[in-house]
Amino acid sequence: MPPIKITSFWYAIYKRLWAVGSRGDAHVSTEIVSDGNFSLETTSTGNGNGIFGTTDYGMPLATNDFTAAHNPLWFILNATIPPSPPPVPPGYLVPVPPNNDLWPAMPWPGSGPYPDWVTWNSGNPPFRLIDRLQNWIENDKKINDTPKGPHLGDNYIAPPPPAFPLKTNPKENAQILFIASRDTDNGERPGNIQANWWNTSMIFVTGTDGQDQGLPVFDKGTEHYIAAIIANSGNLFTGARSGGNLPTVTVNCKAYVFGTFLSPGTPLPALTNFDPADISGDYEQFILGPLKRDVVGFRFNVDIVYGALITLMQNLDMQLFGGAKADLWLKAGHACVKVWLTSGEFPGPHNANGTDWCDGTQVPLSNRKIAQRNLAAFAPTVTGMKKPHWYYFVMSQAFAGTNALAVQTADLPADVVRYYMAVPVAVYERYVAKGGSHRGFETVTDVPKPFPEAVILRQTVAGARLEFADHRREEFFGLALGVEILKETRMSDIDMVHTAHDGRVVGGFTLRPEGKR
């Protein structure tokens, strides 16, 4: 197993500094001349007055100097932590080595107290906030893991989300939190998001440098971050660090075996953890103002996630997976994650009086507090052979009654592309042949099986539904979607849509042509 890399600067260190500054009303909005024109509003390298930029006093981070005491940011913060001698008013200036340039101590003593600053720097090294900042400078060499990408940078995060339609007469006041399922999401459910929310959700895979990686394959020995957009489209502040006894905002995330609705899953550690080996999954969003967006993050260590998922898979009845080995459903390494809120609002009419918090089993189409990403890349190449490429996934029962799967994509002639479903023999006999339906599919035997005990069904009618009888007694079973491209063509996204007995969409996944974002 590779070493777990670093304590995240942006999520664990910077966001705490921002929260402390917010309580002191310092450095978190327009730069103030008397504050040296320094801003904690963003860590973007495009902000010349931020942590990675400069101020009237100089650069907060010394260029190519990885001694913490030579970096003004660390030194002026450490100056307010015992046993350092208290800075002296009125200027609270401290000499920063090696040239003893005078900088104001932070957080600004004249605006204290700062209870969170005291709490986060209590206890013993090495897991105080100031220790993690020192470690980031000296050992991690100031890696800037600020989220970066079209929907992760300031161009998207800084503008307000569309407002939730609160009543105006009489005026409603509420926090309206959500994990964004599309770029223009305002949290309104039902409605406002598309039926294939797993394709449009604002959940991204980044490197440990914060850069959006698109649709990476999760190779062994690598580590990634899961970054998701959280937003408040209401008109009240929230977050326990805001003061005023506001609710604690807690977010969780799980990685799953690639599937449609539910599948074996394992919690991901929150990137707010000081200790990079800490497995706690509770991510605290310290403060979230009205009509604000932000980014929450979780650690995705491929080897750890794979080990947890393969253990869960090996405990299942593999007859329901066609007699194949459990790792067949993990080898492709596709991204399948859910992110959800477990707290953060005062009880009220827009959250079922505080009872509609999530645990990962809810459907984003009807609950704004959860979002799901199920995306995989595929190569739209010409095979010229009767040999489909197989994409393995897990299905589970959604609510009572018949469930169905259907392929939805741009209509293409059967001599251009064909779609197949591989169903374990045991599953087919119990839930398709009896009580289900494969109308619009034909059984074929001239196609290589993706797993040993498989019934292969080829789609003959576009949009045909493969129906499964109620299978609640079986927690999960494994299937495979086959895509056979016979002629060169411009492929679009392929959606596998999972519906409940009443036709409502409960989940699915998308195959996206390589190179398309």
Protein backbone atom coordinates (compact mmCIF):
# COMPACT_ATOMS: atom_id res chain seq x y z
CA MET A 1 0.00 0.00 0.00
CA PRO A 2 1.43 3.42 -0.91
CA PRO A 3 1.86 5.97 1.88
CA ILE A 4 -1.08 8.25 2.41
CA LYS A 5 0.21 11.53 1.09
CA ILE A 6 -0.52 14.74 2.97
CA THR A 7 -2.77 16.69 5.24
CA SER A 8 -4.70 18.76 2.75
CA PHE A 9 -3.70 22.42 2.82
CA TRP A 10 -6.93 23.74 1.32
CA TYR A 11 -9.48 21.60 3.14
CA ALA A 12 -7.81 21.04 6.54
CA ILE A 13 -5.63 24.15 6.99
CA TYR A 14 -6.85 27.01 4.80
CA LYS A 15 -10.57 26.46 5.46
CA ARG A 16 -9.89 26.68 9.21
CA LEU A 17 -7.92 29.89 8.78
CA TRP A 18 -10.81 31.26 6.76
CA ALA A 19 -13.28 30.29 9.48
CA VAL A 20 -11.18 32.02 12.14
CA GLY A 21 -10.90 35.12 9.97
CA SER A 22 -14.65 35.11 9.42
CA ARG A 23 -15.34 35.15 13.14
CA GLY A 24 -12.98 38.11 13.49
CA ASP A 25 -14.38 39.78 10.38
CA ALA A 26 -10.87 39.96 8.97
CA HIS A 27 -9.40 39.30 5.54
CA VAL A 28 -12.42 37.43 4.18
CA SER A 29 -13.96 40.04 1.90
CA THR A 30 -12.59 43.09 0.13
CA GLU A 31 -8.93 43.74 0.98
CA ILE A 32 -8.59 46.42 3.65
CA VAL A 33 -5.64 48.82 3.41
CA SER A 34 -5.10 48.79 7.17
CA ASP A 35 -4.81 44.99 7.02
CA GLY A 36 -1.96 45.21 4.56
CA ASN A 37 -4.31 44.44 1.67
CA PHE A 38 -4.08 40.74 2.59
CA SER A 39 -7.07 38.52 1.74
CA LEU A 40 -8.14 35.08 2.91
CA GLU A 41 -11.05 35.21 0.47
CA THR A 42 -9.38 32.78 -1.90
CA THR A 43 -6.18 30.77 -2.37
CA SER A 44 -6.41 31.15 -6.12
CA THR A 45 -3.04 32.01 -7.64
CA GLY A 46 -4.93 34.60 -9.65
CA ASN A 47 -5.58 36.59 -6.45
CA GLY A 48 -2.48 38.73 -5.99
CA ASN A 49 -3.31 39.48 -2.36
CA GLY A 50 -3.93 35.91 -1.22
CA ILE A 51 -1.78 33.37 0.59
CA PHE A 52 0.06 32.48 -2.61
CA GLY A 53 0.40 36.13 -3.65
CA THR A 54 1.76 39.20 -1.88
CA THR A 55 0.67 41.95 0.52
CA ASP A 56 1.86 45.39 1.60
CA TYR A 57 4.15 43.61 4.08
CA GLY A 58 5.54 41.18 1.52
CA MET A 59 4.82 37.60 0.46
CA PRO A 60 3.12 35.40 3.09
CA LEU A 61 5.06 32.41 1.75
CA ALA A 62 8.79 32.79 1.18
CA THR A 63 9.93 31.75 -2.29
CA ASN A 64 11.82 28.42 -2.33
CA ASP A 65 12.30 28.54 1.44
CA PHE A 66 10.87 25.51 3.23
CA THR A 67 11.73 26.49 6.79
CA ALA A 68 8.46 27.34 8.52
CA ALA A 69 9.96 30.12 10.67
CA HIS A 70 11.15 31.91 7.51
CA ASN A 71 7.63 31.98 6.08
CA PRO A 72 5.68 34.96 7.44
CA LEU A 73 2.34 33.12 7.31
CA TRP A 74 3.51 30.51 9.80
CA PHE A 75 5.49 32.91 11.97
CA ILE A 76 2.74 35.49 12.50
CA LEU A 77 0.24 32.75 13.32
CA ASN A 78 2.62 30.97 15.70
CA ALA A 79 3.20 34.29 17.48
CA THR A 80 -0.30 34.10 19.01
CA ILE A 81 0.11 30.57 20.39
CA PRO A 82 1.65 30.00 23.86
CA PRO A 83 4.46 29.75 24.85
CA SER A 84 5.27 32.50 22.32
CA PRO A 85 5.34 35.86 24.14
CA PRO A 86 2.11 37.79 23.55
CA PRO A 87 2.41 40.42 20.79
CA VAL A 88 2.38 44.00 22.08
CA PRO A 89 -0.35 46.51 21.16
CA PRO A 90 -1.16 48.73 19.41
CA GLY A 91 0.48 47.26 16.29
CA TYR A 92 1.00 43.68 17.54
CA LEU A 93 4.05 43.56 15.25
CA VAL A 94 6.49 40.63 15.34
CA PRO A 95 9.91 40.32 13.62
CA VAL A 96 9.93 37.56 11.00
CA PRO A 97 13.29 35.80 10.40
CA PRO A 98 15.67 35.79 8.69
CA ASN A 99 15.56 39.59 8.11
CA ASN A 100 13.35 40.45 11.08
CA ASP A 101 10.82 42.25 8.88
CA LEU A 102 7.88 43.43 10.98
CA TRP A 103 4.52 41.78 10.33
CA PRO A 104 1.28 41.98 12.38
CA ALA A 105 0.55 38.88 14.44
CA MET A 106 -2.48 36.86 13.40
CA PRO A 107 -5.23 36.23 14.12
CA TRP A 108 -5.29 39.92 15.06
CA PRO A 109 -5.14 39.97 18.89
CA GLY A 110 -7.08 43.22 19.10
CA SER A 111 -10.21 41.57 17.64
CA GLY A 112 -10.14 38.40 19.74
CA PRO A 113 -10.93 36.13 21.38
CA TYR A 114 -10.87 33.34 18.78
CA PRO A 115 -12.24 30.19 20.42
CA ASP A 116 -11.79 28.01 17.34
CA TRP A 117 -8.18 29.12 16.96
CA VAL A 118 -7.54 28.13 20.57
CA THR A 119 -9.33 24.79 20.14
CA TRP A 120 -7.55 23.87 16.91
CA ASN A 121 -4.17 24.63 18.49
CA SER A 122 -4.76 22.89 21.80
CA GLY A 123 -3.30 19.53 22.68
CA ASN A 124 0.07 18.14 21.72
CA PRO A 125 1.99 18.20 18.43
CA PRO A 126 1.91 17.08 15.65
CA PHE A 127 -1.82 17.45 15.04
CA ARG A 128 -2.53 21.03 15.97
CA LEU A 129 -3.38 23.47 13.19
CA ILE A 130 -0.06 25.29 13.54
CA ASP A 131 1.80 21.94 13.35
CA ARG A 132 -0.01 20.95 10.19
CA LEU A 133 0.90 24.30 8.61
CA GLN A 134 4.54 23.74 9.56
CA ASN A 135 4.45 20.22 8.13
CA TRP A 136 2.88 21.53 4.91
CA ILE A 137 5.70 24.05 4.49
CA GLU A 138 8.62 21.85 5.51
CA ASN A 139 7.63 18.35 4.37
CA ASP A 140 4.89 18.80 1.76
CA LYS A 141 6.79 21.69 0.14
CA LYS A 142 3.72 23.95 0.06
CA ILE A 143 1.65 21.84 -2.34
CA ASN A 144 -1.25 24.03 -3.44
CA ASP A 145 -4.24 21.66 -3.53
CA THR A 146 -6.81 24.43 -4.02
CA PRO A 147 -9.63 22.89 -6.15
CA LYS A 148 -9.10 23.75 -9.81
CA GLY A 149 -11.38 23.18 -12.78
CA PRO A 150 -14.27 24.74 -14.69
CA HIS A 151 -16.69 24.13 -11.80
CA LEU A 152 -14.18 24.13 -8.93
CA GLY A 153 -12.46 27.49 -9.31
CA ASP A 154 -13.57 31.00 -8.38
CA ASN A 155 -15.37 31.59 -11.69
CA TYR A 156 -18.05 29.09 -10.63
CA ILE A 157 -17.76 29.03 -6.82
CA ALA A 158 -17.79 32.79 -6.20
CA PRO A 159 -21.10 33.68 -7.94
CA PRO A 160 -24.23 32.88 -5.91
CA PRO A 161 -26.35 29.84 -6.73
CA PRO A 162 -29.89 30.49 -7.96
CA ALA A 163 -32.11 31.30 -4.98
CA PHE A 164 -34.53 28.77 -3.58
CA PRO A 165 -38.15 29.98 -3.96
CA LEU A 166 -38.84 30.89 -0.35
CA LYS A 167 -42.12 32.60 0.42
CA THR A 168 -42.05 36.38 0.55
CA ASN A 169 -45.40 37.09 2.24
CA PRO A 170 -45.03 36.30 5.03
CA LYS A 171 -41.26 36.18 4.55
CA GLU A 172 -39.63 32.80 5.07
CA ASN A 173 -36.16 32.51 6.58
CA ALA A 174 -34.31 29.24 6.12
CA GLN A 175 -31.06 27.53 5.34
CA ILE A 176 -31.46 25.52 2.12
CA LEU A 177 -28.45 23.24 1.82
CA PHE A 178 -27.80 20.85 -1.03
CA ILE A 179 -25.13 18.89 -2.83
CA ALA A 180 -25.37 20.16 -6.39
CA SER A 181 -26.70 17.72 -8.98
CA ARG A 182 -26.21 20.17 -11.83
CA ASP A 183 -24.42 23.46 -12.43
CA THR A 184 -27.58 25.58 -12.11
CA ASP A 185 -29.02 23.69 -9.15
CA ASN A 186 -30.94 25.70 -6.55
CA GLY A 187 -31.91 22.76 -4.35
CA GLU A 188 -35.54 22.62 -5.40
CA ARG A 189 -36.88 19.04 -5.40
CA PRO A 190 -38.58 17.54 -7.24
CA GLY A 191 -37.59 19.33 -10.40
CA ASN A 192 -34.58 21.52 -11.20
CA ILE A 193 -32.34 18.53 -11.95
CA GLN A 194 -32.31 16.05 -14.81
CA ALA A 195 -33.36 12.42 -14.54
CA ASN A 196 -29.76 11.30 -15.19
CA TRP A 197 -28.41 13.26 -12.23
CA TRP A 198 -25.41 10.91 -11.88
CA ASN A 199 -24.16 12.35 -15.20
CA THR A 200 -24.68 16.05 -14.38
CA SER A 201 -23.77 16.14 -10.66
CA MET A 202 -21.16 18.60 -9.46
CA ILE A 203 -18.93 15.84 -8.06
CA PHE A 204 -15.40 15.64 -9.44
CA VAL A 205 -12.25 13.58 -9.17
CA THR A 206 -9.13 15.68 -8.64
CA GLY A 207 -5.47 14.96 -8.09
CA THR A 208 -3.82 15.71 -4.76
CA ASP A 209 -2.90 19.02 -6.42
CA GLY A 210 -6.62 19.87 -6.64
CA GLN A 211 -6.80 19.72 -10.45
CA ASP A 212 -9.95 18.22 -11.97
CA GLN A 213 -8.92 14.98 -13.66
CA GLY A 214 -12.04 14.38 -15.73
CA LEU A 215 -12.70 10.61 -15.93
CA PRO A 216 -9.55 8.96 -14.60
CA VAL A 217 -9.11 5.23 -14.14
CA PHE A 218 -8.37 4.53 -10.48
CA ASP A 219 -5.05 2.71 -10.87
CA LYS A 220 -3.50 0.81 -8.00
CA GLY A 221 -1.01 2.79 -5.96
CA THR A 222 -2.64 6.17 -6.61
CA GLU A 223 -4.54 8.64 -4.52
CA HIS A 224 -7.21 11.11 -5.59
CA TYR A 225 -9.59 13.58 -4.00
CA ILE A 226 -13.37 13.57 -4.42
CA ALA A 227 -14.50 17.20 -4.63
CA ALA A 228 -18.20 18.09 -4.48
CA ILE A 229 -20.10 21.36 -4.62
CA ILE A 230 -22.11 22.22 -1.52
CA ALA A 231 -24.41 25.24 -1.63
CA ASN A 232 -26.87 27.24 0.45
CA SER A 233 -29.66 28.74 -1.65
CA GLY A 234 -31.50 30.03 1.42
CA ASN A 235 -31.24 33.38 3.20
CA LEU A 236 -29.65 32.37 6.53
CA PHE A 237 -26.10 31.58 7.57
CA THR A 238 -25.24 28.11 8.79
CA GLY A 239 -22.21 26.34 10.25
CA ALA A 240 -21.19 25.99 13.88
CA ARG A 241 -18.11 28.20 13.39
CA SER A 242 -20.33 31.14 12.44
CA GLY A 243 -21.34 31.62 16.07
CA GLY A 244 -24.86 32.22 17.31
CA ASN A 245 -25.54 28.52 17.99
CA LEU A 246 -25.99 27.72 14.33
CA PRO A 247 -26.20 24.06 13.24
CA THR A 248 -23.07 22.05 12.49
CA VAL A 249 -22.89 21.26 8.77
CA THR A 250 -21.72 17.66 8.27
CA VAL A 251 -21.11 15.95 4.93
CA ASN A 252 -20.27 12.31 4.22
CA CYS A 253 -19.15 10.38 1.17
CA LYS A 254 -18.91 6.73 0.13
CA ALA A 255 -17.20 5.00 -2.77
CA TYR A 256 -19.16 2.11 -4.28
CA VAL A 257 -18.72 -0.77 -6.62
CA PHE A 258 -19.92 0.57 -9.98
CA GLY A 259 -23.69 0.19 -9.97
CA THR A 260 -27.07 1.80 -10.55
CA PHE A 261 -28.89 2.31 -7.23
CA LEU A 262 -27.12 0.69 -4.27
CA SER A 263 -24.01 -1.48 -4.24
CA PRO A 264 -21.28 -2.44 -1.75
CA GLY A 265 -19.73 0.79 -0.49
CA THR A 266 -17.05 2.06 1.89
CA PRO A 267 -16.80 5.47 3.63
CA LEU A 268 -14.13 7.90 2.45
CA PRO A 269 -12.09 9.93 4.96
CA ALA A 270 -12.81 13.65 5.16
CA LEU A 271 -10.04 15.92 3.91
CA THR A 272 -10.61 18.21 6.90
CA ASN A 273 -8.88 15.61 9.09
CA PHE A 274 -5.57 16.86 10.52
CA ASP A 275 -4.12 13.35 10.55
CA PRO A 276 -3.90 12.03 6.96
CA ALA A 277 -4.32 8.51 8.34
CA ASP A 278 -7.54 9.43 10.18
CA ILE A 279 -10.43 7.45 8.67
CA SER A 280 -13.19 9.69 10.06
CA GLY A 281 -15.66 10.45 7.29
CA ASP A 282 -17.42 13.45 8.87
CA TYR A 283 -16.50 16.53 6.84
CA GLU A 284 -17.40 19.74 8.66
CA GLN A 285 -18.33 22.70 6.49
CA PHE A 286 -17.28 25.33 8.98
CA ILE A 287 -19.36 28.25 7.64
CA LEU A 288 -21.72 28.64 4.69
CA GLY A 289 -23.43 31.96 4.12
CA PRO A 290 -26.72 32.61 2.34
CA LEU A 291 -26.55 32.21 -1.45
CA LYS A 292 -23.06 30.72 -1.26
CA ARG A 293 -21.26 27.78 -2.85
CA ASP A 294 -18.20 25.93 -1.59
CA VAL A 295 -16.26 22.71 -2.18
CA VAL A 296 -16.12 19.73 0.18
CA GLY A 297 -13.52 17.01 -0.22
CA PHE A 298 -12.74 13.38 0.61
CA ARG A 299 -9.64 11.20 0.29
CA PHE A 300 -9.78 8.39 -2.27
CA ASN A 301 -6.78 6.11 -1.71
CA VAL A 302 -7.25 3.50 -4.43
CA ASP A 303 -5.61 0.59 -2.63
CA ILE A 304 -7.53 1.20 0.59
CA VAL A 305 -10.85 1.60 -1.23
CA TYR A 306 -10.20 -1.48 -3.39
CA GLY A 307 -9.31 -3.56 -0.31
CA ALA A 308 -12.50 -2.55 1.48
CA LEU A 309 -14.74 -3.16 -1.54
CA ILE A 310 -13.22 -6.52 -2.46
CA THR A 311 -13.79 -7.71 1.12
CA LEU A 312 -17.46 -6.72 0.88
CA MET A 313 -17.82 -8.40 -2.52
CA GLN A 314 -16.22 -11.65 -1.36
CA ASN A 315 -18.91 -11.99 1.31
CA LEU A 316 -21.67 -12.09 -1.33
CA ASP A 317 -23.19 -15.09 -3.10
CA MET A 318 -21.07 -15.20 -6.27
CA GLN A 319 -23.68 -17.37 -7.99
CA LEU A 320 -25.58 -14.09 -8.30
CA PHE A 321 -22.50 -12.73 -10.08
CA GLY A 322 -22.36 -15.47 -12.68
CA GLY A 323 -19.78 -17.58 -10.91
CA ALA A 324 -17.08 -14.97 -11.53
CA LYS A 325 -14.45 -13.71 -9.14
CA ALA A 326 -15.43 -10.67 -7.12
CA ASP A 327 -12.68 -8.44 -8.49
CA LEU A 328 -14.19 -8.57 -11.98
CA TRP A 329 -16.55 -5.78 -10.88
CA LEU A 330 -13.63 -3.69 -9.59
CA LYS A 331 -10.92 -4.07 -12.22
CA ALA A 332 -12.20 -1.29 -14.47
CA GLY A 333 -11.72 1.23 -11.67
CA HIS A 334 -14.60 3.55 -12.54
CA ALA A 335 -15.82 6.40 -10.34
CA CYS A 336 -18.97 5.64 -8.37
CA VAL A 337 -19.49 7.90 -5.36
CA LYS A 338 -22.28 9.51 -3.38
CA VAL A 339 -21.99 12.65 -1.27
CA TRP A 340 -24.66 13.63 1.25
CA LEU A 341 -25.50 15.94 4.12
CA THR A 342 -26.31 14.64 7.60
CA SER A 343 -26.88 17.99 9.37
CA GLY A 344 -26.80 21.73 8.90
CA GLU A 345 -30.28 23.30 8.97
CA PHE A 346 -32.76 24.41 11.58
CA PRO A 347 -35.89 22.19 11.46
CA GLY A 348 -38.60 23.58 9.24
CA PRO A 349 -41.06 22.96 6.40
CA HIS A 350 -38.33 22.52 3.80
CA ASN A 351 -36.61 19.62 5.57
CA ALA A 352 -39.56 17.65 6.94
CA ASN A 353 -39.04 19.39 10.27
CA GLY A 354 -35.42 18.23 10.38
CA THR A 355 -36.02 14.56 9.55
CA ASP A 356 -34.95 14.25 5.90
CA TRP A 357 -31.18 14.02 6.38
CA CYS A 358 -29.41 11.38 4.34
CA ASP A 359 -27.56 8.12 4.89
CA GLY A 360 -26.68 7.31 1.27
CA THR A 361 -29.85 5.41 0.35
CA GLN A 362 -31.92 8.40 -0.79
CA VAL A 363 -32.60 9.38 -4.41
CA PRO A 364 -31.25 12.78 -5.57
CA LEU A 365 -34.30 13.35 -7.75
CA SER A 366 -36.39 13.82 -4.60
CA ASN A 367 -33.80 14.79 -1.97
CA ARG A 368 -31.50 17.80 -2.43
CA LYS A 369 -29.12 16.70 0.31
CA ILE A 370 -27.55 13.88 -1.72
CA ALA A 371 -25.80 13.69 -5.08
CA GLN A 372 -24.29 10.80 -7.01
CA ARG A 373 -21.59 10.46 -9.65
CA ASN A 374 -21.60 7.35 -11.84
CA LEU A 375 -19.45 7.98 -14.87
CA ALA A 376 -17.11 5.79 -16.88
CA ALA A 377 -15.18 6.47 -20.06
CA PHE A 378 -15.39 4.21 -23.08
CA ALA A 379 -13.40 4.17 -26.31
CA PRO A 380 -15.73 4.65 -29.32
CA THR A 381 -13.56 2.58 -31.65
CA VAL A 382 -14.48 0.29 -34.52
CA THR A 383 -14.19 -3.39 -33.67
CA GLY A 384 -15.31 -4.93 -36.93
CA MET A 385 -15.98 -8.09 -34.94
CA LYS A 386 -18.87 -9.60 -33.08
CA LYS A 387 -17.19 -8.90 -29.78
CA PRO A 388 -18.84 -6.36 -27.48
CA HIS A 389 -16.89 -4.54 -24.84
CA TRP A 390 -18.35 -5.30 -21.41
CA TYR A 391 -18.97 -2.84 -18.57
CA TYR A 392 -19.64 -4.54 -15.25
CA PHE A 393 -22.07 -3.13 -12.71
CA VAL A 394 -24.12 -4.08 -9.64
CA MET A 395 -27.90 -3.88 -9.29
CA SER A 396 -30.04 -3.91 -6.16
CA GLN A 397 -33.76 -3.75 -5.43
CA ALA A 398 -35.22 -0.24 -5.31
CA PHE A 399 -38.44 -0.15 -3.28
CA ALA A 400 -41.08 -2.88 -3.68
CA GLY A 401 -42.14 -4.43 -6.97
CA THR A 402 -40.67 -4.89 -10.42
CA ASN A 403 -37.46 -3.00 -11.25
CA ALA A 404 -36.21 -2.33 -14.77
CA LEU A 405 -33.07 -1.37 -16.66
CA ALA A 406 -32.99 0.43 -20.01
CA VAL A 407 -30.28 1.84 -22.26
CA GLN A 408 -30.91 5.44 -23.25
CA THR A 409 -28.76 7.09 -25.90
CA ALA A 410 -28.94 8.71 -29.30
CA ASP A 411 -30.73 6.36 -31.70
CA LEU A 412 -28.28 4.62 -34.04
CA PRO A 413 -29.06 1.83 -36.52
CA ALA A 414 -28.51 -1.76 -35.39
CA ASP A 415 -25.82 -2.16 -38.05
CA VAL A 416 -23.82 0.62 -36.36
CA VAL A 417 -24.00 -0.25 -32.65
CA ARG A 418 -25.57 -3.05 -30.64
CA TYR A 419 -26.27 -3.29 -26.95
CA TYR A 420 -26.22 -6.45 -24.85
CA MET A 421 -27.14 -7.34 -21.29
CA ALA A 422 -25.40 -10.21 -19.53
CA VAL A 423 -27.43 -11.66 -16.67
CA PRO A 424 -26.24 -14.41 -14.29
CA VAL A 425 -28.12 -17.65 -14.99
CA ALA A 426 -29.42 -17.80 -11.42
CA VAL A 427 -30.72 -14.22 -11.61
CA TYR A 428 -32.29 -14.76 -15.02
CA GLU A 429 -34.13 -17.90 -13.94
CA ARG A 430 -35.41 -16.42 -10.67
CA TYR A 431 -36.24 -12.84 -11.60
CA VAL A 432 -36.42 -12.40 -15.39
CA ALA A 433 -37.93 -15.65 -16.68
CA LYS A 434 -40.30 -15.70 -13.71
CA GLY A 435 -42.09 -12.45 -12.99
CA GLY A 436 -39.85 -10.26 -15.15
CA SER A 437 -39.63 -9.57 -18.87
CA HIS A 438 -37.01 -9.32 -21.60
CA ARG A 439 -39.38 -8.05 -24.28
CA GLY A 440 -37.31 -6.08 -26.78
CA PHE A 441 -34.30 -8.36 -26.23
CA GLU A 442 -33.33 -11.66 -27.83
CA THR A 443 -31.25 -14.44 -26.33
CA VAL A 444 -27.98 -15.01 -28.21
CA THR A 445 -25.28 -17.64 -27.90
CA ASP A 446 -22.71 -16.44 -30.45
CA VAL A 447 -21.19 -13.79 -28.18
CA PRO A 448 -18.33 -14.45 -25.70
CA LYS A 449 -19.63 -14.45 -22.13
CA PRO A 450 -18.35 -11.78 -19.75
CA PHE A 451 -18.63 -14.23 -16.84
CA PRO A 452 -18.96 -18.04 -16.76
CA GLU A 453 -22.67 -18.46 -15.95
CA ALA A 454 -24.37 -15.87 -18.15
CA VAL A 455 -27.48 -15.46 -20.24
CA ILE A 456 -26.72 -12.97 -23.04
CA LEU A 457 -29.57 -10.75 -24.23
CA ARG A 458 -29.21 -8.52 -27.28
CA GLN A 459 -31.41 -5.44 -27.54
CA THR A 460 -33.69 -5.50 -30.58
CA VAL A 461 -35.91 -2.52 -29.76
CA ALA A 462 -34.45 0.86 -28.85
CA GLY A 463 -35.22 1.81 -25.25
CA ALA A 464 -36.41 -1.70 -24.35
CA ARG A 465 -36.79 -2.35 -20.61
CA LEU A 466 -35.23 -5.42 -19.04
CA GLU A 467 -37.56 -6.13 -16.13
CA PHE A 468 -36.68 -7.97 -12.91
CA ALA A 469 -39.24 -9.31 -10.47
CA ASP A 470 -39.02 -8.08 -6.89
CA HIS A 471 -35.68 -9.39 -5.59
CA ARG A 472 -35.46 -7.87 -2.13
CA ARG A 473 -34.20 -11.15 -0.68
CA GLU A 474 -31.04 -10.77 -2.76
CA GLU A 475 -29.02 -7.77 -1.57
CA PHE A 476 -26.99 -7.36 -4.76
CA PHE A 477 -26.29 -9.12 -8.03
CA GLY A 478 -23.84 -8.51 -10.85
CA LEU A 479 -24.64 -7.65 -14.46
CA ALA A 480 -22.75 -6.43 -17.51
CA LEU A 481 -23.63 -4.05 -20.33
CA GLY A 482 -22.10 -4.90 -23.68
CA VAL A 483 -21.45 -2.26 -26.34
CA GLU A 484 -20.56 -3.49 -29.82
CA ILE A 485 -19.60 -0.79 -32.33
CA LEU A 486 -19.76 -2.17 -35.86
CA LYS A 487 -19.13 0.96 -37.93
CA GLU A 488 -17.26 4.17 -37.36
CA THR A 489 -19.64 6.72 -35.90
CA ARG A 490 -19.82 9.68 -33.56
CA MET A 491 -20.94 8.23 -30.26
CA SER A 492 -22.81 10.14 -27.57
CA ASP A 493 -23.23 9.36 -23.87
CA ILE A 494 -24.80 6.00 -23.08
CA ASP A 495 -27.07 6.05 -20.03
CA MET A 496 -28.12 2.92 -18.17
CA VAL A 497 -31.31 3.91 -16.35
CA HIS A 498 -32.71 2.00 -13.36
CA THR A 499 -36.42 2.52 -12.62
CA ALA A 500 -38.70 1.36 -9.81
CA HIS A 501 -42.07 -0.34 -10.29
CA ASP A 502 -43.86 2.98 -10.82
CA GLY A 503 -41.42 4.16 -13.47
CA ARG A 504 -39.55 6.70 -11.34
CA VAL A 505 -35.82 6.83 -11.93
CA VAL A 506 -33.87 5.62 -8.89
CA GLY A 507 -30.36 5.42 -10.29
CA GLY A 508 -28.13 4.61 -13.21
CA PHE A 509 -24.75 5.26 -14.74
CA THR A 510 -23.30 6.87 -17.84
CA LEU A 511 -20.65 5.72 -20.29
CA ARG A 512 -19.01 8.76 -21.83
CA PRO A 513 -16.83 8.71 -24.98
CA GLU A 514 -13.18 9.24 -24.16
CA GLY A 515 -12.11 12.83 -24.67
CA LYS A 516 -15.55 14.28 -23.91
CA ARG A 517 -15.86 16.28 -20.70
